[in-house]
Amino acid sequence: MVEASCHCGAVRLSVPSPPTEVTECNCSICRRLAARWAYYSPTDVTLSKAGSTQPYVWGDRMLAFHRCKSCGVTTHWQSLDGSKDRMAINARNIDGLDWDAIRIRPFDGATTWEYMD
């Protein structure tokens, strides 16, 4: 198991393995968050304490971005439309990753909605 946590440690997410690939999106929210998203099935993610995050939902209301209620660090997003069996963990919150060994895929979420690699 691998653990991601916010700055203060109030939010901890466990996943079965470190990411081998992450997405770096340039949409209006992701570029401001500077997140690198690692995708997992929601059934493979454990949140240490229910109610420790505050969701942010906007626009087409398809995703809920979660942040720690205490320190404000964005930890993950979850799909709200129920059509996808995936959620994303902000991989920048996983200590000790070897970023040279992880494929970083740029995604154009601002215009074309396509990967740019």
C-alpha atoms as a PDB file:
ATOM      1  CA  MET A   1       0.000   0.000   0.000  1.00  0.00           C
ATOM      2  CA  VAL A   2       1.030   3.572  -0.711  1.00  0.00           C
ATOM      3  CA  GLU A   3      -0.206   6.568   1.236  1.00  0.00           C
ATOM      4  CA  ALA A   4      -0.958  10.107   0.078  1.00  0.00           C
ATOM      5  CA  SER A   5      -1.588  12.807   2.634  1.00  0.00           C
ATOM      6  CA  CYS A   6      -2.347  16.494   2.844  1.00  0.00           C
ATOM      7  CA  HIS A   7       0.148  18.891   4.425  1.00  0.00           C
ATOM      8  CA  CYS A   8      -1.203  18.627   7.978  1.00  0.00           C
ATOM      9  CA  GLY A   9      -1.868  14.867   7.793  1.00  0.00           C
ATOM     10  CA  ALA A  10      -5.592  15.080   8.573  1.00  0.00           C
ATOM     11  CA  VAL A  11      -6.444  13.497   5.199  1.00  0.00           C
ATOM     12  CA  ARG A  12      -4.747  10.230   4.278  1.00  0.00           C
ATOM     13  CA  LEU A  13      -5.547   8.164   1.230  1.00  0.00           C
ATOM     14  CA  SER A  14      -4.210   4.643   0.729  1.00  0.00           C
ATOM     15  CA  VAL A  15      -3.862   3.054  -2.702  1.00  0.00           C
ATOM     16  CA  PRO A  16      -2.546  -0.393  -3.648  1.00  0.00           C
ATOM     17  CA  SER A  17       0.496   0.783  -5.618  1.00  0.00           C
ATOM     18  CA  PRO A  18       2.414   3.883  -6.623  1.00  0.00           C
ATOM     19  CA  PRO A  19       1.449   5.412  -9.964  1.00  0.00           C
ATOM     20  CA  THR A  20       3.465   4.566 -13.066  1.00  0.00           C
ATOM     21  CA  GLU A  21       1.661   7.301 -14.999  1.00  0.00           C
ATOM     22  CA  VAL A  22       0.009  10.593 -14.031  1.00  0.00           C
ATOM     23  CA  THR A  23      -2.001  13.204 -15.897  1.00  0.00           C
ATOM     24  CA  GLU A  24      -1.131  16.880 -15.821  1.00  0.00           C
ATOM     25  CA  CYS A  25      -4.199  18.773 -17.056  1.00  0.00           C
ATOM     26  CA  ASN A  26      -4.333  22.402 -18.176  1.00  0.00           C
ATOM     27  CA  CYS A  27      -8.034  23.042 -17.523  1.00  0.00           C
ATOM     28  CA  SER A  28      -8.949  26.106 -15.497  1.00  0.00           C
ATOM     29  CA  ILE A  29      -8.880  24.322 -12.136  1.00  0.00           C
ATOM     30  CA  CYS A  30      -6.116  21.738 -12.607  1.00  0.00           C
ATOM     31  CA  ARG A  31      -3.567  24.292 -13.795  1.00  0.00           C
ATOM     32  CA  ARG A  32      -4.303  26.390 -10.707  1.00  0.00           C
ATOM     33  CA  LEU A  33      -3.989  23.365  -8.433  1.00  0.00           C
ATOM     34  CA  ALA A  34      -0.781  22.178 -10.145  1.00  0.00           C
ATOM     35  CA  ALA A  35      -1.948  18.639  -9.444  1.00  0.00           C
ATOM     36  CA  ARG A  36      -0.654  15.492 -11.076  1.00  0.00           C
ATOM     37  CA  TRP A  37      -3.517  13.014 -11.126  1.00  0.00           C
ATOM     38  CA  ALA A  38      -3.029   9.281 -10.573  1.00  0.00           C
ATOM     39  CA  TYR A  39      -6.138   7.267 -11.425  1.00  0.00           C
ATOM     40  CA  TYR A  40      -7.535   4.397  -9.365  1.00  0.00           C
ATOM     41  CA  SER A  41     -10.805   2.566  -8.969  1.00  0.00           C
ATOM     42  CA  PRO A  42     -12.738   4.014  -6.006  1.00  0.00           C
ATOM     43  CA  THR A  43     -12.869   0.490  -4.570  1.00  0.00           C
ATOM     44  CA  ASP A  44      -9.035   0.521  -4.354  1.00  0.00           C
ATOM     45  CA  VAL A  45      -8.800   3.808  -2.430  1.00  0.00           C
ATOM     46  CA  THR A  46      -9.162   4.084   1.329  1.00  0.00           C
ATOM     47  CA  LEU A  47      -9.829   7.462   2.933  1.00  0.00           C
ATOM     48  CA  SER A  48      -8.605   7.457   6.524  1.00  0.00           C
ATOM     49  CA  LYS A  49     -11.348   9.605   8.024  1.00  0.00           C
ATOM     50  CA  ALA A  50     -14.769  10.286   6.531  1.00  0.00           C
ATOM     51  CA  GLY A  51     -15.731  13.936   6.672  1.00  0.00           C
ATOM     52  CA  SER A  52     -12.134  15.196   6.697  1.00  0.00           C
ATOM     53  CA  THR A  53     -12.448  16.803   3.273  1.00  0.00           C
ATOM     54  CA  GLN A  54     -14.536  19.557   1.758  1.00  0.00           C
ATOM     55  CA  PRO A  55     -15.704  19.039  -1.851  1.00  0.00           C
ATOM     56  CA  TYR A  56     -15.738  21.723  -4.516  1.00  0.00           C
ATOM     57  CA  VAL A  57     -18.152  21.206  -7.420  1.00  0.00           C
ATOM     58  CA  TRP A  58     -18.733  23.620 -10.271  1.00  0.00           C
ATOM     59  CA  GLY A  59     -19.550  23.900 -13.988  1.00  0.00           C
ATOM     60  CA  ASP A  60     -21.010  20.719 -15.454  1.00  0.00           C
ATOM     61  CA  ARG A  61     -21.023  19.171 -11.953  1.00  0.00           C
ATOM     62  CA  MET A  62     -19.279  15.971 -13.079  1.00  0.00           C
ATOM     63  CA  LEU A  63     -16.380  16.037 -10.585  1.00  0.00           C
ATOM     64  CA  ALA A  64     -15.995  16.860  -6.924  1.00  0.00           C
ATOM     65  CA  PHE A  65     -12.521  18.133  -6.046  1.00  0.00           C
ATOM     66  CA  HIS A  66     -11.725  17.391  -2.399  1.00  0.00           C
ATOM     67  CA  ARG A  67      -9.462  19.402  -0.136  1.00  0.00           C
ATOM     68  CA  CYS A  68      -8.466  19.054   3.493  1.00  0.00           C
ATOM     69  CA  LYS A  69     -10.759  21.015   5.804  1.00  0.00           C
ATOM     70  CA  SER A  70      -7.776  21.961   7.939  1.00  0.00           C
ATOM     71  CA  CYS A  71      -4.827  22.857   5.657  1.00  0.00           C
ATOM     72  CA  GLY A  72      -6.652  23.281   2.338  1.00  0.00           C
ATOM     73  CA  VAL A  73      -4.490  20.958   0.225  1.00  0.00           C
ATOM     74  CA  THR A  74      -6.338  19.297  -2.674  1.00  0.00           C
ATOM     75  CA  THR A  75      -6.156  15.547  -2.168  1.00  0.00           C
ATOM     76  CA  HIS A  76      -8.350  13.928  -4.821  1.00  0.00           C
ATOM     77  CA  TRP A  77     -11.351  14.139  -7.091  1.00  0.00           C
ATOM     78  CA  GLN A  78     -14.329  11.844  -7.462  1.00  0.00           C
ATOM     79  CA  SER A  79     -16.750  11.421 -10.350  1.00  0.00           C
ATOM     80  CA  LEU A  80     -20.302  12.540  -9.623  1.00  0.00           C
ATOM     81  CA  ASP A  81     -22.006  11.274 -12.766  1.00  0.00           C
ATOM     82  CA  GLY A  82     -21.530   7.596 -11.900  1.00  0.00           C
ATOM     83  CA  SER A  83     -20.414   6.698 -15.417  1.00  0.00           C
ATOM     84  CA  LYS A  84     -16.755   6.107 -14.616  1.00  0.00           C
ATOM     85  CA  ASP A  85     -15.219   3.662 -12.224  1.00  0.00           C
ATOM     86  CA  ARG A  86     -12.291   5.876 -11.391  1.00  0.00           C
ATOM     87  CA  MET A  87     -11.144   8.620  -9.137  1.00  0.00           C
ATOM     88  CA  ALA A  88      -7.932  10.597  -9.076  1.00  0.00           C
ATOM     89  CA  ILE A  89      -5.442  11.047  -6.273  1.00  0.00           C
ATOM     90  CA  ASN A  90      -3.174  14.086  -6.305  1.00  0.00           C
ATOM     91  CA  ALA A  91       0.111  12.205  -6.685  1.00  0.00           C
ATOM     92  CA  ARG A  92       2.047  15.247  -5.475  1.00  0.00           C
ATOM     93  CA  ASN A  93       0.802  14.234  -2.010  1.00  0.00           C
ATOM     94  CA  ILE A  94       2.661  10.899  -2.131  1.00  0.00           C
ATOM     95  CA  ASP A  95       6.068  11.271  -0.495  1.00  0.00           C
ATOM     96  CA  GLY A  96       9.087   9.534  -1.973  1.00  0.00           C
ATOM     97  CA  LEU A  97       7.922   9.033  -5.558  1.00  0.00           C
ATOM     98  CA  ASP A  98      10.652   8.684  -8.171  1.00  0.00           C
ATOM     99  CA  TRP A  99       9.299  11.264 -10.631  1.00  0.00           C
ATOM    100  CA  ASP A 100      11.940  10.315 -13.207  1.00  0.00           C
ATOM    101  CA  ALA A 101      10.355   6.856 -13.414  1.00  0.00           C
ATOM    102  CA  ILE A 102       6.759   8.097 -13.770  1.00  0.00           C
ATOM    103  CA  ARG A 103       5.246   8.965 -17.142  1.00  0.00           C
ATOM    104  CA  ILE A 104       3.706  12.450 -16.987  1.00  0.00           C
ATOM    105  CA  ARG A 105       0.987  12.811 -19.614  1.00  0.00           C
ATOM    106  CA  PRO A 106      -0.029  16.371 -20.503  1.00  0.00           C
ATOM    107  CA  PHE A 107      -3.769  16.622 -21.082  1.00  0.00           C
ATOM    108  CA  ASP A 108      -5.501  19.505 -22.851  1.00  0.00           C
ATOM    109  CA  GLY A 109      -8.578  19.863 -20.684  1.00  0.00           C
ATOM    110  CA  ALA A 110      -8.833  23.526 -21.650  1.00  0.00           C
ATOM    111  CA  THR A 111      -9.480  23.149 -25.392  1.00  0.00           C
ATOM    112  CA  THR A 112      -9.315  19.798 -27.193  1.00  0.00           C
ATOM    113  CA  TRP A 113      -9.946  17.356 -24.349  1.00  0.00           C
ATOM    114  CA  GLU A 114      -7.109  15.169 -25.676  1.00  0.00           C
ATOM    115  CA  TYR A 115      -3.744  13.959 -24.436  1.00  0.00           C
ATOM    116  CA  MET A 116      -0.893  15.995 -25.927  1.00  0.00           C
ATOM    117  CA  ASP A 117       1.801  13.316 -26.010  1.00  0.00           C
END
